[in-house]
């Protein structure tokens, strides 16, 4: 899998005096982070056009870079105690909030078309099926037999 972020995207989230990635991303780590984030968005958006940093929307690059920086920072400053690194946790939480906002529809992902219209129902029947005539194969076609508020 090609890298969807540049080293500068990740370095922007790291404290320069504490951690410098020297314009080189850890290939295994960035692949793992990208795969995780793309899988979360895969059923909702068409991400086939995201093949490099130039074709990946800025918001998606930001999320990947935040998650990468979080894991990089947590790994670099991990110790033998059970405490979680606060800054790494903050980055991870913020990245997750952005993903949840995108999936929930409160944050748009410019430049990436959704796979379906979030305003339309994804279940049967539809208005078109109500206008059709019932058939032997599908007797449920046709107008509704009953509706709410109708007195029998």
C-alpha atoms as a PDB file:
ATOM      1  CA  UNK A   1       0.000   0.000   0.000  1.00  0.00           C
ATOM      2  CA  UNK A   2       1.292   3.435  -0.906  1.00  0.00           C
ATOM      3  CA  UNK A   3       1.819   5.989   1.832  1.00  0.00           C
ATOM      4  CA  UNK A   4      -1.016   8.529   1.937  1.00  0.00           C
ATOM      5  CA  UNK A   5       0.803  11.029   4.159  1.00  0.00           C
ATOM      6  CA  UNK A   6       4.165  12.757   4.008  1.00  0.00           C
ATOM      7  CA  UNK A   7       6.612  12.783   6.892  1.00  0.00           C
ATOM      8  CA  UNK A   8       5.899  16.490   7.347  1.00  0.00           C
ATOM      9  CA  UNK A   9       2.207  15.696   7.978  1.00  0.00           C
ATOM     10  CA  UNK A  10       3.143  13.509  10.944  1.00  0.00           C
ATOM     11  CA  UNK A  11       5.950  15.765  12.175  1.00  0.00           C
ATOM     12  CA  UNK A  12       3.440  18.616  12.453  1.00  0.00           C
ATOM     13  CA  UNK A  13       1.819  16.749  15.372  1.00  0.00           C
ATOM     14  CA  UNK A  14       5.076  15.873  17.142  1.00  0.00           C
ATOM     15  CA  UNK A  15       7.044  18.132  19.452  1.00  0.00           C
ATOM     16  CA  UNK A  16      10.180  18.982  17.454  1.00  0.00           C
ATOM     17  CA  UNK A  17      12.424  19.217  20.521  1.00  0.00           C
ATOM     18  CA  UNK A  18      11.367  15.750  21.716  1.00  0.00           C
ATOM     19  CA  UNK A  19      10.759  13.751  18.565  1.00  0.00           C
ATOM     20  CA  UNK A  20      12.030  14.241  15.052  1.00  0.00           C
ATOM     21  CA  UNK A  21      11.169  11.651  12.434  1.00  0.00           C
ATOM     22  CA  UNK A  22      13.843  13.003  10.049  1.00  0.00           C
ATOM     23  CA  UNK A  23      11.590  13.020   6.972  1.00  0.00           C
ATOM     24  CA  UNK A  24      11.219   9.243   7.148  1.00  0.00           C
ATOM     25  CA  UNK A  25       8.046   7.398   8.103  1.00  0.00           C
ATOM     26  CA  UNK A  26       8.076   3.941   9.679  1.00  0.00           C
ATOM     27  CA  UNK A  27       6.629   1.931   6.784  1.00  0.00           C
ATOM     28  CA  UNK A  28       5.039  -0.777   8.944  1.00  0.00           C
ATOM     29  CA  UNK A  29       3.463   1.724  11.318  1.00  0.00           C
ATOM     30  CA  UNK A  30       2.064   4.021   8.626  1.00  0.00           C
ATOM     31  CA  UNK A  31       0.670   1.031   6.701  1.00  0.00           C
ATOM     32  CA  UNK A  32      -1.055  -0.264   9.832  1.00  0.00           C
ATOM     33  CA  UNK A  33      -2.525   3.155  10.685  1.00  0.00           C
ATOM     34  CA  UNK A  34      -3.728   3.796   7.118  1.00  0.00           C
ATOM     35  CA  UNK A  35      -5.291   0.357   6.863  1.00  0.00           C
ATOM     36  CA  UNK A  36      -7.174   0.828  10.132  1.00  0.00           C
ATOM     37  CA  UNK A  37      -8.546   4.258   9.195  1.00  0.00           C
ATOM     38  CA  UNK A  38      -9.412   3.324   5.613  1.00  0.00           C
ATOM     39  CA  UNK A  39     -11.281   0.235   6.808  1.00  0.00           C
ATOM     40  CA  UNK A  40     -13.386   2.377   9.128  1.00  0.00           C
ATOM     41  CA  UNK A  41     -14.384   4.652   6.243  1.00  0.00           C
ATOM     42  CA  UNK A  42     -14.471   1.978   3.534  1.00  0.00           C
ATOM     43  CA  UNK A  43     -18.172   1.111   3.598  1.00  0.00           C
ATOM     44  CA  UNK A  44     -19.211   4.758   3.578  1.00  0.00           C
ATOM     45  CA  UNK A  45     -16.884   6.492   1.105  1.00  0.00           C
ATOM     46  CA  UNK A  46     -15.224   5.653  -2.200  1.00  0.00           C
ATOM     47  CA  UNK A  47     -11.548   5.915  -1.260  1.00  0.00           C
ATOM     48  CA  UNK A  48     -10.157   4.377  -4.456  1.00  0.00           C
ATOM     49  CA  UNK A  49      -8.842   7.760  -5.616  1.00  0.00           C
ATOM     50  CA  UNK A  50      -6.595   8.111  -2.529  1.00  0.00           C
ATOM     51  CA  UNK A  51      -3.277   6.746  -3.759  1.00  0.00           C
ATOM     52  CA  UNK A  52      -0.679   9.250  -2.500  1.00  0.00           C
ATOM     53  CA  UNK A  53      -0.488  12.447  -0.397  1.00  0.00           C
ATOM     54  CA  UNK A  54      -1.451  14.557  -3.427  1.00  0.00           C
ATOM     55  CA  UNK A  55      -4.693  12.688  -4.085  1.00  0.00           C
ATOM     56  CA  UNK A  56      -5.705  12.197  -0.444  1.00  0.00           C
ATOM     57  CA  UNK A  57      -7.998  14.870   1.022  1.00  0.00           C
ATOM     58  CA  UNK A  58      -6.380  17.098   3.638  1.00  0.00           C
ATOM     59  CA  UNK A  59      -8.740  16.014   6.410  1.00  0.00           C
ATOM     60  CA  UNK A  60      -7.998  12.336   5.800  1.00  0.00           C
ATOM     61  CA  UNK A  61      -4.247  13.073   5.756  1.00  0.00           C
ATOM     62  CA  UNK A  62      -4.660  14.943   9.041  1.00  0.00           C
ATOM     63  CA  UNK A  63      -6.446  12.003  10.675  1.00  0.00           C
ATOM     64  CA  UNK A  64      -3.835   9.512   9.472  1.00  0.00           C
ATOM     65  CA  UNK A  65      -0.994  11.814  10.577  1.00  0.00           C
ATOM     66  CA  UNK A  66      -2.552  12.328  14.032  1.00  0.00           C
ATOM     67  CA  UNK A  67      -2.982   8.595  14.562  1.00  0.00           C
ATOM     68  CA  UNK A  68       0.531   7.900  13.249  1.00  0.00           C
ATOM     69  CA  UNK A  69       2.011  10.584  15.537  1.00  0.00           C
ATOM     70  CA  UNK A  70       0.044   9.211  18.479  1.00  0.00           C
ATOM     71  CA  UNK A  71       1.397   5.702  18.017  1.00  0.00           C
ATOM     72  CA  UNK A  72       4.905   6.913  17.198  1.00  0.00           C
ATOM     73  CA  UNK A  73       4.999   9.131  20.279  1.00  0.00           C
ATOM     74  CA  UNK A  74       3.523   6.445  22.553  1.00  0.00           C
ATOM     75  CA  UNK A  75       6.070   3.924  21.296  1.00  0.00           C
ATOM     76  CA  UNK A  76       9.012   6.321  21.597  1.00  0.00           C
ATOM     77  CA  UNK A  77       8.132   7.326  25.153  1.00  0.00           C
ATOM     78  CA  UNK A  78       6.778   4.032  26.421  1.00  0.00           C
ATOM     79  CA  UNK A  79       8.064   3.009  29.782  1.00  0.00           C
ATOM     80  CA  UNK A  80       7.733   0.051  32.088  1.00  0.00           C
ATOM     81  CA  UNK A  81       4.797   1.568  33.945  1.00  0.00           C
ATOM     82  CA  UNK A  82       1.094   1.192  33.243  1.00  0.00           C
ATOM     83  CA  UNK A  83       0.414   4.879  32.656  1.00  0.00           C
ATOM     84  CA  UNK A  84      -0.717   6.034  29.231  1.00  0.00           C
ATOM     85  CA  UNK A  85       1.063   8.926  27.608  1.00  0.00           C
ATOM     86  CA  UNK A  86      -1.356  11.879  27.778  1.00  0.00           C
ATOM     87  CA  UNK A  87      -0.315  13.577  24.568  1.00  0.00           C
ATOM     88  CA  UNK A  88      -0.463  10.350  22.550  1.00  0.00           C
ATOM     89  CA  UNK A  89      -3.901   9.642  24.009  1.00  0.00           C
ATOM     90  CA  UNK A  90      -5.090  13.174  23.159  1.00  0.00           C
ATOM     91  CA  UNK A  91      -4.007  12.770  19.530  1.00  0.00           C
ATOM     92  CA  UNK A  92      -5.685   9.369  19.301  1.00  0.00           C
ATOM     93  CA  UNK A  93      -8.910  10.686  20.844  1.00  0.00           C
ATOM     94  CA  UNK A  94      -8.996  13.679  18.502  1.00  0.00           C
ATOM     95  CA  UNK A  95      -8.425  11.463  15.453  1.00  0.00           C
ATOM     96  CA  UNK A  96     -11.223   9.127  16.570  1.00  0.00           C
ATOM     97  CA  UNK A  97     -13.556  12.104  17.098  1.00  0.00           C
ATOM     98  CA  UNK A  98     -12.894  13.255  13.530  1.00  0.00           C
ATOM     99  CA  UNK A  99     -13.594   9.779  12.148  1.00  0.00           C
ATOM    100  CA  UNK A 100     -16.810   9.516  14.165  1.00  0.00           C
ATOM    101  CA  UNK A 101     -17.861  12.964  12.943  1.00  0.00           C
ATOM    102  CA  UNK A 102     -17.282  11.932   9.343  1.00  0.00           C
ATOM    103  CA  UNK A 103     -19.189   8.676   9.786  1.00  0.00           C
ATOM    104  CA  UNK A 104     -21.979  10.454  11.666  1.00  0.00           C
ATOM    105  CA  UNK A 105     -22.346  13.098   8.978  1.00  0.00           C
ATOM    106  CA  UNK A 106     -21.483  16.121  11.126  1.00  0.00           C
ATOM    107  CA  UNK A 107     -18.093  16.524   9.387  1.00  0.00           C
ATOM    108  CA  UNK A 108     -17.800  16.339   5.612  1.00  0.00           C
ATOM    109  CA  UNK A 109     -14.931  14.729   3.774  1.00  0.00           C
ATOM    110  CA  UNK A 110     -14.413  17.032   0.774  1.00  0.00           C
ATOM    111  CA  UNK A 111     -13.361  15.437  -2.471  1.00  0.00           C
ATOM    112  CA  UNK A 112     -14.477  11.920  -1.552  1.00  0.00           C
ATOM    113  CA  UNK A 113     -17.915  10.832  -2.758  1.00  0.00           C
ATOM    114  CA  UNK A 114     -20.091   8.788  -0.413  1.00  0.00           C
ATOM    115  CA  UNK A 115     -21.010   5.312  -1.609  1.00  0.00           C
ATOM    116  CA  UNK A 116     -24.691   6.017  -0.965  1.00  0.00           C
ATOM    117  CA  UNK A 117     -26.921   8.975  -0.214  1.00  0.00           C
ATOM    118  CA  UNK A 118     -27.069   9.178   3.597  1.00  0.00           C
ATOM    119  CA  UNK A 119     -30.535  10.751   3.372  1.00  0.00           C
ATOM    120  CA  UNK A 120     -32.141   7.855   1.521  1.00  0.00           C
ATOM    121  CA  UNK A 121     -33.228   4.608   3.160  1.00  0.00           C
ATOM    122  CA  UNK A 122     -31.147   1.563   2.401  1.00  0.00           C
ATOM    123  CA  UNK A 123     -33.979  -0.913   2.887  1.00  0.00           C
ATOM    124  CA  UNK A 124     -36.947  -2.307   1.021  1.00  0.00           C
ATOM    125  CA  UNK A 125     -39.653  -1.199   0.144  1.00  0.00           C
ATOM    126  CA  UNK A 126     -38.955   2.025  -1.690  1.00  0.00           C
ATOM    127  CA  UNK A 127     -41.336   4.490  -3.305  1.00  0.00           C
ATOM    128  CA  UNK A 128     -40.635   2.895  -6.671  1.00  0.00           C
ATOM    129  CA  UNK A 129     -41.725  -0.537  -5.442  1.00  0.00           C
ATOM    130  CA  UNK A 130     -45.048   0.906  -4.248  1.00  0.00           C
ATOM    131  CA  UNK A 131     -45.829   2.159  -7.765  1.00  0.00           C
ATOM    132  CA  UNK A 132     -45.224  -1.241  -9.382  1.00  0.00           C
ATOM    133  CA  UNK A 133     -47.770  -4.003  -9.782  1.00  0.00           C
ATOM    134  CA  UNK A 134     -47.463  -7.120  -7.610  1.00  0.00           C
ATOM    135  CA  UNK A 135     -45.962 -10.132  -9.387  1.00  0.00           C
ATOM    136  CA  UNK A 136     -45.873 -13.840  -8.667  1.00  0.00           C
ATOM    137  CA  UNK A 137     -42.163 -13.562  -7.771  1.00  0.00           C
ATOM    138  CA  UNK A 138     -42.635 -10.482  -5.551  1.00  0.00           C
ATOM    139  CA  UNK A 139     -46.172 -10.093  -4.204  1.00  0.00           C
ATOM    140  CA  UNK A 140     -45.018  -7.285  -1.888  1.00  0.00           C
ATOM    141  CA  UNK A 141     -44.900  -4.823  -4.788  1.00  0.00           C
ATOM    142  CA  UNK A 142     -47.745  -2.363  -5.046  1.00  0.00           C
ATOM    143  CA  UNK A 143     -49.368   0.147  -2.697  1.00  0.00           C
ATOM    144  CA  UNK A 144     -49.201  -0.281   1.066  1.00  0.00           C
ATOM    145  CA  UNK A 145     -51.861  -2.550   2.533  1.00  0.00           C
ATOM    146  CA  UNK A 146     -52.022  -0.476   5.709  1.00  0.00           C
ATOM    147  CA  UNK A 147     -50.403   2.586   7.238  1.00  0.00           C
ATOM    148  CA  UNK A 148     -50.136   4.274  10.607  1.00  0.00           C
ATOM    149  CA  UNK A 149     -53.116   6.330  11.642  1.00  0.00           C
ATOM    150  CA  UNK A 150     -55.527   4.347   9.503  1.00  0.00           C
ATOM    151  CA  UNK A 151     -58.632   3.052  11.315  1.00  0.00           C
ATOM    152  CA  UNK A 152     -59.622  -0.505  10.477  1.00  0.00           C
END
